């Protein structure tokens, strides 16, 4: 099978934000720099903040001229939101390997093996609980996006579109999920 040569900069992809996320998250939990990732502040505090943000309401404000694209969305309980991690610095976009969550007790892995916002194209995905719609504004709980993040796309969350059987994740990711849930480290 022939694999075509990829020319990473041979074509320009232009994305136009359709809206913006508004909430109280002023800074990302992870900070990307030349040396990799680092957790902002103390780990226990950051884990507690991550858990608290699950219930906080964010507003997704869609450009008024595009409000019709939301028609019918209120019939869903959850939405999948693609957004741009606008606070990732240039050096964070050049990282190829990191310790997940900036922790040396996790293995050094390729950036695409993580959910880190630091990536060549910082397009992030989150699923939130849709609480209401007011015209061009969605109120969504559980968003982890930083205030001011440009929204690229919104899709309804349909569980059957995602695999449930045969899904595996590495032990270190299971540990991260447990720590976030329990608010502990280690």
N, C-alpha and C. Protein backbone atom coordinates (compact mmCIF):
# COMPACT_ATOMS: atom_id res chain seq x y z
N UNK A 1 0.84 -1.17 0.00
CA UNK A 1 0.00 0.00 0.00
C UNK A 1 0.89 1.24 0.00
N UNK A 2 0.62 2.16 -0.87
CA UNK A 2 1.40 3.38 -0.99
C UNK A 2 0.87 4.45 -0.05
N UNK A 3 1.76 5.01 0.74
CA UNK A 3 1.39 6.10 1.62
C UNK A 3 1.87 7.40 0.99
N UNK A 4 0.95 8.32 0.73
CA UNK A 4 1.39 9.57 0.11
C UNK A 4 2.27 10.38 1.06
N UNK A 5 3.21 11.08 0.49
CA UNK A 5 4.08 11.93 1.29
C UNK A 5 3.26 13.12 1.78
N UNK A 6 3.38 13.39 3.05
CA UNK A 6 2.62 14.49 3.64
C UNK A 6 3.48 15.74 3.62
N UNK A 7 2.94 16.76 3.08
CA UNK A 7 3.60 18.06 3.06
C UNK A 7 2.89 18.93 4.11
N UNK A 8 3.43 19.01 5.34
CA UNK A 8 2.71 19.66 6.42
C UNK A 8 2.34 21.12 6.16
N UNK A 9 3.12 21.81 5.38
CA UNK A 9 2.82 23.22 5.17
C UNK A 9 2.50 23.52 3.71
N UNK A 10 2.15 22.48 2.95
CA UNK A 10 1.89 22.70 1.53
C UNK A 10 0.51 23.31 1.30
N UNK A 11 -0.39 23.10 2.23
CA UNK A 11 -1.73 23.69 2.12
C UNK A 11 -2.07 24.40 3.40
N UNK A 12 -2.71 25.49 3.26
CA UNK A 12 -3.15 26.23 4.43
C UNK A 12 -4.58 25.83 4.73
N UNK A 13 -4.85 25.58 5.99
CA UNK A 13 -6.20 25.31 6.44
C UNK A 13 -6.65 26.54 7.21
N UNK A 14 -7.76 27.08 6.82
CA UNK A 14 -8.27 28.28 7.48
C UNK A 14 -9.52 27.91 8.26
N UNK A 15 -9.48 28.14 9.55
CA UNK A 15 -10.64 27.93 10.40
C UNK A 15 -11.16 29.27 10.86
N UNK A 16 -12.44 29.42 10.82
CA UNK A 16 -13.06 30.66 11.30
C UNK A 16 -13.85 30.31 12.55
N UNK A 17 -13.51 30.89 13.69
CA UNK A 17 -14.28 30.61 14.89
C UNK A 17 -15.74 30.97 14.68
N UNK A 18 -16.61 30.16 15.28
CA UNK A 18 -18.05 30.41 15.19
C UNK A 18 -18.57 31.07 16.46
N UNK A 19 -17.73 31.14 17.46
CA UNK A 19 -18.13 31.74 18.72
C UNK A 19 -16.99 31.73 19.72
N UNK A 20 -17.35 31.95 20.98
CA UNK A 20 -16.35 32.04 22.04
C UNK A 20 -16.91 31.42 23.32
N UNK A 21 -16.01 30.91 24.15
CA UNK A 21 -16.39 30.34 25.44
C UNK A 21 -16.13 31.39 26.52
N UNK A 22 -17.12 31.58 27.38
CA UNK A 22 -17.00 32.53 28.50
C UNK A 22 -17.23 31.78 29.80
N UNK A 23 -16.27 31.92 30.72
CA UNK A 23 -16.39 31.31 32.05
C UNK A 23 -15.37 31.96 32.98
N UNK A 24 -15.13 31.36 34.11
CA UNK A 24 -14.21 31.94 35.09
C UNK A 24 -12.82 31.32 35.06
N UNK A 25 -12.53 30.46 34.09
CA UNK A 25 -11.20 29.84 34.01
C UNK A 25 -10.26 30.80 33.30
N UNK A 26 -9.44 31.49 34.08
CA UNK A 26 -8.56 32.52 33.52
C UNK A 26 -7.28 31.95 32.91
N UNK A 27 -6.80 30.83 33.45
CA UNK A 27 -5.54 30.26 32.99
C UNK A 27 -5.69 28.75 32.81
N UNK A 28 -4.93 28.18 31.90
CA UNK A 28 -4.97 26.72 31.75
C UNK A 28 -4.35 26.04 32.98
N UNK A 29 -4.80 24.79 33.25
CA UNK A 29 -4.25 24.03 34.37
C UNK A 29 -2.82 23.60 34.09
N UNK A 30 -2.53 23.33 32.81
CA UNK A 30 -1.19 22.93 32.40
C UNK A 30 -0.53 24.07 31.65
N UNK A 31 0.74 24.29 31.94
CA UNK A 31 1.50 25.33 31.27
C UNK A 31 2.57 24.64 30.42
N UNK A 32 2.62 25.01 29.15
CA UNK A 32 3.58 24.41 28.23
C UNK A 32 4.75 25.38 28.02
N UNK A 33 5.95 24.82 28.11
CA UNK A 33 7.15 25.62 27.89
C UNK A 33 8.22 24.80 27.20
N UNK A 34 9.39 25.36 27.08
CA UNK A 34 10.50 24.68 26.41
C UNK A 34 10.84 23.35 27.06
N UNK A 35 10.64 23.24 28.36
CA UNK A 35 10.99 22.03 29.10
C UNK A 35 9.85 21.03 29.21
N UNK A 36 8.76 21.27 28.54
CA UNK A 36 7.63 20.35 28.61
C UNK A 36 6.45 20.97 29.31
N UNK A 37 5.71 20.16 30.03
CA UNK A 37 4.50 20.60 30.72
C UNK A 37 4.75 20.76 32.21
N UNK A 38 4.03 21.68 32.80
CA UNK A 38 4.06 21.85 34.26
C UNK A 38 2.64 22.17 34.71
N UNK A 39 2.26 21.63 35.85
CA UNK A 39 0.96 21.93 36.44
C UNK A 39 1.04 23.31 37.06
N UNK A 40 0.04 24.13 36.81
CA UNK A 40 -0.01 25.46 37.41
C UNK A 40 -0.39 25.30 38.88
N UNK A 41 0.48 25.71 39.77
CA UNK A 41 0.20 25.61 41.20
C UNK A 41 0.42 24.21 41.76
N UNK A 42 -0.08 24.00 42.96
CA UNK A 42 0.04 22.71 43.64
C UNK A 42 -0.86 21.68 42.99
N UNK A 43 -0.39 20.44 42.92
CA UNK A 43 -1.16 19.36 42.30
C UNK A 43 -2.52 19.17 42.97
N UNK A 44 -2.57 19.12 44.28
CA UNK A 44 -3.83 18.88 44.99
C UNK A 44 -4.83 20.00 44.70
N UNK A 45 -4.34 21.24 44.68
CA UNK A 45 -5.20 22.38 44.39
C UNK A 45 -5.72 22.30 42.96
N UNK A 46 -4.84 21.97 42.03
CA UNK A 46 -5.24 21.86 40.63
C UNK A 46 -6.27 20.76 40.43
N UNK A 47 -6.07 19.61 41.09
CA UNK A 47 -7.03 18.51 40.98
C UNK A 47 -8.40 18.94 41.53
N UNK A 48 -8.40 19.66 42.63
CA UNK A 48 -9.66 20.14 43.21
C UNK A 48 -10.35 21.12 42.25
N UNK A 49 -9.56 22.00 41.63
CA UNK A 49 -10.13 22.95 40.66
C UNK A 49 -10.73 22.22 39.47
N UNK A 50 -10.05 21.19 38.97
CA UNK A 50 -10.55 20.43 37.83
C UNK A 50 -11.91 19.82 38.19
N UNK A 51 -12.02 19.23 39.40
CA UNK A 51 -13.29 18.63 39.83
C UNK A 51 -14.38 19.68 39.96
N UNK A 52 -14.05 20.84 40.53
CA UNK A 52 -15.04 21.91 40.72
C UNK A 52 -15.57 22.43 39.39
N UNK A 53 -14.71 22.51 38.39
CA UNK A 53 -15.11 23.05 37.09
C UNK A 53 -16.13 22.17 36.38
N UNK A 54 -16.23 20.91 36.80
CA UNK A 54 -17.20 20.01 36.17
C UNK A 54 -18.63 20.49 36.32
N UNK A 55 -18.93 21.21 37.39
CA UNK A 55 -20.29 21.69 37.62
C UNK A 55 -20.48 23.15 37.26
N UNK A 56 -19.40 23.87 37.05
CA UNK A 56 -19.50 25.28 36.71
C UNK A 56 -20.13 25.46 35.33
N UNK A 57 -20.93 26.49 35.20
CA UNK A 57 -21.59 26.77 33.93
C UNK A 57 -20.70 27.71 33.10
N UNK A 58 -20.46 27.30 31.87
CA UNK A 58 -19.79 28.15 30.88
C UNK A 58 -20.83 28.57 29.86
N UNK A 59 -20.62 29.72 29.28
CA UNK A 59 -21.46 30.13 28.16
C UNK A 59 -20.68 29.96 26.88
N UNK A 60 -21.33 29.37 25.91
CA UNK A 60 -20.77 29.32 24.57
C UNK A 60 -21.59 30.30 23.76
N UNK A 61 -20.95 31.38 23.36
CA UNK A 61 -21.65 32.44 22.64
C UNK A 61 -21.32 32.32 21.16
N UNK A 62 -22.31 31.96 20.39
CA UNK A 62 -22.16 31.80 18.94
C UNK A 62 -22.42 33.15 18.28
N UNK A 63 -21.68 33.46 17.24
CA UNK A 63 -21.91 34.71 16.51
C UNK A 63 -23.39 34.83 16.18
N UNK A 64 -23.95 36.01 16.44
CA UNK A 64 -25.39 36.20 16.27
C UNK A 64 -25.87 35.83 14.87
N UNK A 65 -25.09 36.12 13.86
CA UNK A 65 -25.48 35.81 12.49
C UNK A 65 -25.54 34.32 12.19
N UNK A 66 -25.00 33.51 13.11
CA UNK A 66 -24.99 32.06 12.93
C UNK A 66 -25.92 31.34 13.90
N UNK A 67 -26.74 32.06 14.64
CA UNK A 67 -27.57 31.46 15.69
C UNK A 67 -28.43 30.30 15.18
N UNK A 68 -28.84 30.34 13.92
CA UNK A 68 -29.69 29.27 13.37
C UNK A 68 -29.00 27.90 13.39
N UNK A 69 -27.68 27.87 13.42
CA UNK A 69 -27.00 26.57 13.42
C UNK A 69 -27.23 25.81 14.72
N UNK A 70 -27.77 26.49 15.73
CA UNK A 70 -28.05 25.84 17.00
C UNK A 70 -29.45 25.24 17.07
N UNK A 71 -30.30 25.52 16.09
CA UNK A 71 -31.69 25.04 16.15
C UNK A 71 -31.74 23.53 16.36
N UNK A 72 -32.43 23.10 17.38
CA UNK A 72 -32.59 21.69 17.70
C UNK A 72 -31.58 21.15 18.69
N UNK A 73 -30.52 21.87 18.96
CA UNK A 73 -29.46 21.38 19.85
C UNK A 73 -29.98 21.18 21.27
N UNK A 74 -30.99 21.98 21.68
CA UNK A 74 -31.50 21.89 23.04
C UNK A 74 -32.21 20.56 23.34
N UNK A 75 -32.42 19.75 22.32
CA UNK A 75 -33.02 18.42 22.53
C UNK A 75 -32.00 17.40 23.03
N UNK A 76 -30.75 17.75 23.02
CA UNK A 76 -29.68 16.86 23.48
C UNK A 76 -29.30 17.22 24.92
N UNK A 77 -28.82 16.22 25.64
CA UNK A 77 -28.38 16.46 27.02
C UNK A 77 -26.93 16.95 27.08
N UNK A 78 -26.13 16.58 26.08
CA UNK A 78 -24.71 16.91 26.07
C UNK A 78 -24.27 17.38 24.69
N UNK A 79 -23.22 18.18 24.68
CA UNK A 79 -22.63 18.62 23.42
C UNK A 79 -21.13 18.36 23.44
N UNK A 80 -20.60 18.12 22.25
CA UNK A 80 -19.17 17.98 22.05
C UNK A 80 -18.69 19.29 21.43
N UNK A 81 -17.70 19.89 22.03
CA UNK A 81 -17.22 21.20 21.58
C UNK A 81 -15.76 21.10 21.17
N UNK A 82 -15.47 21.54 19.96
CA UNK A 82 -14.09 21.67 19.49
C UNK A 82 -13.71 23.14 19.65
N UNK A 83 -12.58 23.38 20.28
CA UNK A 83 -12.16 24.76 20.50
C UNK A 83 -10.65 24.87 20.35
N UNK A 84 -10.19 26.10 20.20
CA UNK A 84 -8.78 26.40 20.00
C UNK A 84 -8.17 26.81 21.34
N UNK A 85 -7.10 26.14 21.73
CA UNK A 85 -6.40 26.46 22.98
C UNK A 85 -5.52 27.69 22.73
N UNK A 86 -6.14 28.84 22.78
CA UNK A 86 -5.50 30.08 22.36
C UNK A 86 -4.38 30.55 23.28
N UNK A 87 -4.26 29.99 24.47
CA UNK A 87 -3.18 30.42 25.37
C UNK A 87 -1.96 29.51 25.33
N UNK A 88 -1.92 28.56 24.41
CA UNK A 88 -0.73 27.72 24.28
C UNK A 88 0.35 28.54 23.56
N UNK A 89 1.49 28.76 24.21
CA UNK A 89 2.55 29.55 23.57
C UNK A 89 3.22 28.78 22.44
N UNK A 90 3.92 29.50 21.59
CA UNK A 90 4.60 28.88 20.45
C UNK A 90 5.50 27.71 20.86
N UNK A 91 6.26 27.87 21.96
CA UNK A 91 7.14 26.78 22.37
C UNK A 91 6.34 25.54 22.76
N UNK A 92 5.16 25.71 23.29
CA UNK A 92 4.31 24.57 23.61
C UNK A 92 3.81 23.85 22.38
N UNK A 93 3.69 24.57 21.28
CA UNK A 93 3.23 23.97 20.03
C UNK A 93 4.35 23.19 19.34
N UNK A 94 5.59 23.32 19.84
CA UNK A 94 6.72 22.59 19.27
C UNK A 94 7.08 21.34 20.05
N UNK A 95 6.40 21.09 21.16
CA UNK A 95 6.71 19.91 21.97
C UNK A 95 6.32 18.65 21.21
N UNK A 96 7.16 17.63 21.28
CA UNK A 96 6.81 16.36 20.65
C UNK A 96 6.61 15.26 21.69
N UNK A 97 7.29 15.37 22.83
CA UNK A 97 7.14 14.39 23.90
C UNK A 97 7.01 15.13 25.23
N UNK A 98 6.19 14.57 26.12
CA UNK A 98 6.00 15.17 27.43
C UNK A 98 5.76 14.07 28.47
N UNK A 99 5.93 14.45 29.71
CA UNK A 99 5.47 13.63 30.82
C UNK A 99 4.03 14.09 31.06
N UNK A 100 3.03 13.20 30.98
CA UNK A 100 1.64 13.62 31.18
C UNK A 100 1.48 14.41 32.48
N UNK A 101 0.69 15.46 32.40
CA UNK A 101 0.43 16.36 33.53
C UNK A 101 1.71 17.00 34.06
N UNK A 102 2.81 16.91 33.29
CA UNK A 102 4.08 17.49 33.71
C UNK A 102 4.75 16.72 34.83
N UNK A 103 4.33 15.49 35.04
CA UNK A 103 4.83 14.71 36.16
C UNK A 103 5.86 13.68 35.71
N UNK A 104 7.04 13.75 36.31
CA UNK A 104 8.14 12.85 35.95
C UNK A 104 7.86 11.40 36.35
N UNK A 105 6.86 11.17 37.22
CA UNK A 105 6.53 9.79 37.60
C UNK A 105 5.65 9.11 36.55
N UNK A 106 5.29 9.84 35.50
CA UNK A 106 4.59 9.25 34.35
C UNK A 106 5.60 9.13 33.22
N UNK A 107 5.40 8.19 32.31
CA UNK A 107 6.38 7.99 31.23
C UNK A 107 6.43 9.16 30.26
N UNK A 108 7.55 9.33 29.62
CA UNK A 108 7.71 10.31 28.55
C UNK A 108 7.03 9.71 27.31
N UNK A 109 5.99 10.39 26.81
CA UNK A 109 5.22 9.87 25.68
C UNK A 109 5.05 10.95 24.62
N UNK A 110 4.70 10.52 23.43
CA UNK A 110 4.41 11.47 22.36
C UNK A 110 3.19 12.31 22.69
N UNK A 111 3.22 13.55 22.27
CA UNK A 111 2.16 14.50 22.60
C UNK A 111 0.78 13.99 22.19
N UNK A 112 0.70 13.22 21.10
CA UNK A 112 -0.59 12.68 20.66
C UNK A 112 -1.08 11.53 21.52
N UNK A 113 -0.26 11.10 22.49
CA UNK A 113 -0.70 10.09 23.45
C UNK A 113 -1.31 10.73 24.68
N UNK A 114 -1.40 12.05 24.68
CA UNK A 114 -1.92 12.78 25.84
C UNK A 114 -3.12 13.63 25.43
N UNK A 115 -3.78 14.17 26.43
CA UNK A 115 -4.88 15.12 26.20
C UNK A 115 -4.40 16.55 26.42
N UNK A 116 -3.10 16.73 26.44
CA UNK A 116 -2.50 18.03 26.69
C UNK A 116 -2.94 19.06 25.66
N UNK A 117 -3.11 20.31 26.10
CA UNK A 117 -3.41 21.37 25.13
C UNK A 117 -2.19 21.73 24.26
N UNK A 118 -1.00 21.36 24.70
CA UNK A 118 0.22 21.65 23.94
C UNK A 118 0.33 20.64 22.81
N UNK A 119 0.14 21.11 21.61
CA UNK A 119 0.21 20.26 20.42
C UNK A 119 0.41 21.17 19.21
N UNK A 120 0.85 20.62 18.08
CA UNK A 120 1.12 21.47 16.92
C UNK A 120 -0.07 22.35 16.52
N UNK A 121 -1.25 21.78 16.52
CA UNK A 121 -2.48 22.53 16.30
C UNK A 121 -3.33 22.34 17.55
N UNK A 122 -3.38 23.33 18.42
CA UNK A 122 -4.05 23.15 19.70
C UNK A 122 -5.58 23.15 19.59
N UNK A 123 -6.09 22.16 18.85
CA UNK A 123 -7.52 21.94 18.74
C UNK A 123 -7.90 20.97 19.85
N UNK A 124 -8.77 21.40 20.73
CA UNK A 124 -9.15 20.57 21.86
C UNK A 124 -10.63 20.20 21.78
N UNK A 125 -10.98 19.14 22.46
CA UNK A 125 -12.34 18.64 22.45
C UNK A 125 -12.79 18.45 23.88
N UNK A 126 -14.01 18.84 24.16
CA UNK A 126 -14.59 18.61 25.48
C UNK A 126 -16.06 18.27 25.30
N UNK A 127 -16.58 17.52 26.24
CA UNK A 127 -18.00 17.20 26.26
C UNK A 127 -18.58 17.85 27.49
N UNK A 128 -19.67 18.56 27.32
CA UNK A 128 -20.31 19.22 28.45
C UNK A 128 -21.79 18.93 28.48
N UNK A 129 -22.37 19.12 29.64
CA UNK A 129 -23.80 18.92 29.86
C UNK A 129 -24.53 20.20 29.46
N UNK A 130 -25.38 20.09 28.45
CA UNK A 130 -26.13 21.25 27.95
C UNK A 130 -27.26 21.56 28.91
N UNK A 131 -27.21 22.72 29.54
CA UNK A 131 -28.22 23.10 30.52
C UNK A 131 -29.34 23.93 29.90
N UNK A 132 -28.97 24.81 28.95
CA UNK A 132 -30.03 25.62 28.31
C UNK A 132 -29.48 26.31 27.07
N UNK A 133 -30.42 26.82 26.29
CA UNK A 133 -30.10 27.66 25.13
C UNK A 133 -30.94 28.92 25.21
N UNK A 134 -30.28 30.05 25.02
CA UNK A 134 -30.96 31.35 24.92
C UNK A 134 -30.48 32.00 23.63
N UNK A 135 -31.23 31.84 22.57
CA UNK A 135 -30.84 32.43 21.29
C UNK A 135 -29.53 31.87 20.81
N UNK A 136 -28.49 32.71 20.82
CA UNK A 136 -27.17 32.30 20.34
C UNK A 136 -26.22 31.88 21.47
N UNK A 137 -26.77 31.66 22.66
CA UNK A 137 -25.95 31.32 23.83
C UNK A 137 -26.35 29.95 24.39
N UNK A 138 -25.35 29.10 24.54
CA UNK A 138 -25.56 27.81 25.20
C UNK A 138 -24.95 27.88 26.60
N UNK A 139 -25.68 27.39 27.58
CA UNK A 139 -25.12 27.25 28.93
C UNK A 139 -24.76 25.78 29.10
N UNK A 140 -23.47 25.53 29.37
CA UNK A 140 -22.94 24.18 29.40
C UNK A 140 -22.13 23.98 30.68
N UNK A 141 -22.39 22.88 31.38
CA UNK A 141 -21.61 22.53 32.57
C UNK A 141 -20.51 21.55 32.17
N UNK A 142 -19.38 21.67 32.86
CA UNK A 142 -18.31 20.69 32.68
C UNK A 142 -17.27 21.05 31.64
N UNK A 143 -17.25 22.27 31.18
CA UNK A 143 -16.26 22.69 30.19
C UNK A 143 -14.92 22.94 30.89
N UNK A 144 -13.84 22.50 30.27
CA UNK A 144 -12.51 22.75 30.83
C UNK A 144 -11.74 23.78 30.02
N UNK A 145 -12.42 24.47 29.13
CA UNK A 145 -11.77 25.47 28.28
C UNK A 145 -11.52 26.76 29.06
N UNK A 146 -10.47 27.44 28.68
CA UNK A 146 -10.12 28.73 29.27
C UNK A 146 -11.05 29.81 28.69
N UNK A 147 -11.40 30.78 29.52
CA UNK A 147 -12.24 31.90 29.09
C UNK A 147 -11.64 32.55 27.84
N UNK A 148 -12.49 32.81 26.88
CA UNK A 148 -12.05 33.45 25.64
C UNK A 148 -11.64 32.46 24.55
N UNK A 149 -11.71 31.16 24.84
CA UNK A 149 -11.32 30.17 23.83
C UNK A 149 -12.25 30.25 22.62
N UNK A 150 -11.68 30.36 21.42
CA UNK A 150 -12.50 30.37 20.22
C UNK A 150 -13.14 29.01 19.97
N UNK A 151 -14.42 29.01 19.65
CA UNK A 151 -15.15 27.77 19.35
C UNK A 151 -15.02 27.50 17.86
N UNK A 152 -14.61 26.28 17.53
CA UNK A 152 -14.45 25.88 16.13
C UNK A 152 -15.70 25.16 15.63
N UNK A 153 -16.26 24.29 16.48
CA UNK A 153 -17.42 23.50 16.06
C UNK A 153 -18.13 22.95 17.30
N UNK A 154 -19.39 22.65 17.14
CA UNK A 154 -20.19 22.01 18.18
C UNK A 154 -20.96 20.88 17.51
N UNK A 155 -20.99 19.75 18.18
CA UNK A 155 -21.77 18.61 17.70
C UNK A 155 -22.57 18.06 18.87
N UNK A 156 -23.72 17.48 18.60
CA UNK A 156 -24.44 16.84 19.71
C UNK A 156 -23.65 15.60 20.14
N UNK A 157 -23.68 15.31 21.43
CA UNK A 157 -23.02 14.11 21.91
C UNK A 157 -24.00 12.95 21.77
N UNK A 158 -23.59 11.94 21.02
CA UNK A 158 -24.39 10.74 20.80
C UNK A 158 -23.52 9.56 21.22
N UNK A 159 -23.84 8.97 22.37
CA UNK A 159 -23.01 7.92 22.95
C UNK A 159 -22.76 6.77 21.99
N UNK A 160 -23.75 6.42 21.18
CA UNK A 160 -23.59 5.27 20.28
C UNK A 160 -22.55 5.51 19.18
N UNK A 161 -22.14 6.75 18.97
CA UNK A 161 -21.11 7.04 17.97
C UNK A 161 -19.70 6.72 18.49
N UNK A 162 -19.59 6.46 19.78
CA UNK A 162 -18.29 6.22 20.39
C UNK A 162 -18.22 4.77 20.86
N UNK A 163 -17.08 4.11 20.68
CA UNK A 163 -16.96 2.70 21.10
C UNK A 163 -17.04 2.58 22.62
N UNK A 164 -17.61 1.48 23.06
CA UNK A 164 -17.70 1.20 24.50
C UNK A 164 -16.99 -0.09 24.86
N UNK A 165 -16.91 -0.99 23.91
CA UNK A 165 -16.26 -2.28 24.16
C UNK A 165 -14.88 -2.28 23.51
N UNK A 166 -13.96 -2.99 24.16
CA UNK A 166 -12.62 -3.11 23.61
C UNK A 166 -11.79 -1.84 23.72
N UNK A 167 -12.24 -0.87 24.49
CA UNK A 167 -11.50 0.38 24.66
C UNK A 167 -10.43 0.14 25.73
N UNK A 168 -9.21 0.54 25.44
CA UNK A 168 -8.15 0.41 26.44
C UNK A 168 -7.39 1.73 26.54
N UNK A 169 -6.92 2.01 27.71
CA UNK A 169 -6.08 3.18 27.95
C UNK A 169 -4.93 2.74 28.85
N UNK A 170 -3.78 3.44 28.76
CA UNK A 170 -2.64 3.03 29.56
C UNK A 170 -2.89 3.23 31.06
N UNK A 171 -2.14 2.50 31.86
CA UNK A 171 -2.28 2.56 33.32
C UNK A 171 -2.08 3.98 33.85
N UNK A 172 -1.12 4.73 33.27
CA UNK A 172 -0.88 6.08 33.77
C UNK A 172 -2.10 6.99 33.53
N UNK A 173 -2.83 6.80 32.42
CA UNK A 173 -4.02 7.60 32.17
C UNK A 173 -5.14 7.19 33.13
N UNK A 174 -5.26 5.91 33.42
CA UNK A 174 -6.24 5.47 34.40
C UNK A 174 -5.95 6.10 35.76
N UNK A 175 -4.66 6.20 36.08
CA UNK A 175 -4.26 6.81 37.35
C UNK A 175 -4.62 8.30 37.39
N UNK A 176 -4.39 9.00 36.29
CA UNK A 176 -4.77 10.42 36.21
C UNK A 176 -6.26 10.56 36.43
N UNK A 177 -7.06 9.75 35.77
CA UNK A 177 -8.51 9.83 35.91
C UNK A 177 -8.93 9.58 37.36
N UNK A 178 -8.32 8.59 38.00
CA UNK A 178 -8.63 8.28 39.40
C UNK A 178 -8.26 9.45 40.30
N UNK A 179 -7.09 10.03 40.07
CA UNK A 179 -6.63 11.15 40.90
C UNK A 179 -7.52 12.37 40.75
N UNK A 180 -7.95 12.65 39.54
CA UNK A 180 -8.87 13.78 39.34
C UNK A 180 -10.17 13.51 40.07
N UNK A 181 -10.69 12.30 39.93
CA UNK A 181 -11.95 11.95 40.58
C UNK A 181 -11.85 12.02 42.10
N UNK A 182 -10.76 11.51 42.64
CA UNK A 182 -10.59 11.45 44.09
C UNK A 182 -9.96 12.70 44.68
N UNK A 183 -9.35 13.52 43.82
CA UNK A 183 -8.68 14.72 44.32
C UNK A 183 -7.37 14.41 45.03
N UNK A 184 -6.73 13.33 44.61
CA UNK A 184 -5.48 12.94 45.26
C UNK A 184 -4.36 12.87 44.25
N UNK A 185 -3.17 12.71 44.76
CA UNK A 185 -2.01 12.44 43.90
C UNK A 185 -1.28 11.25 44.47
N UNK A 186 -1.03 10.30 43.58
CA UNK A 186 -0.22 9.15 43.96
C UNK A 186 -1.01 8.15 44.69
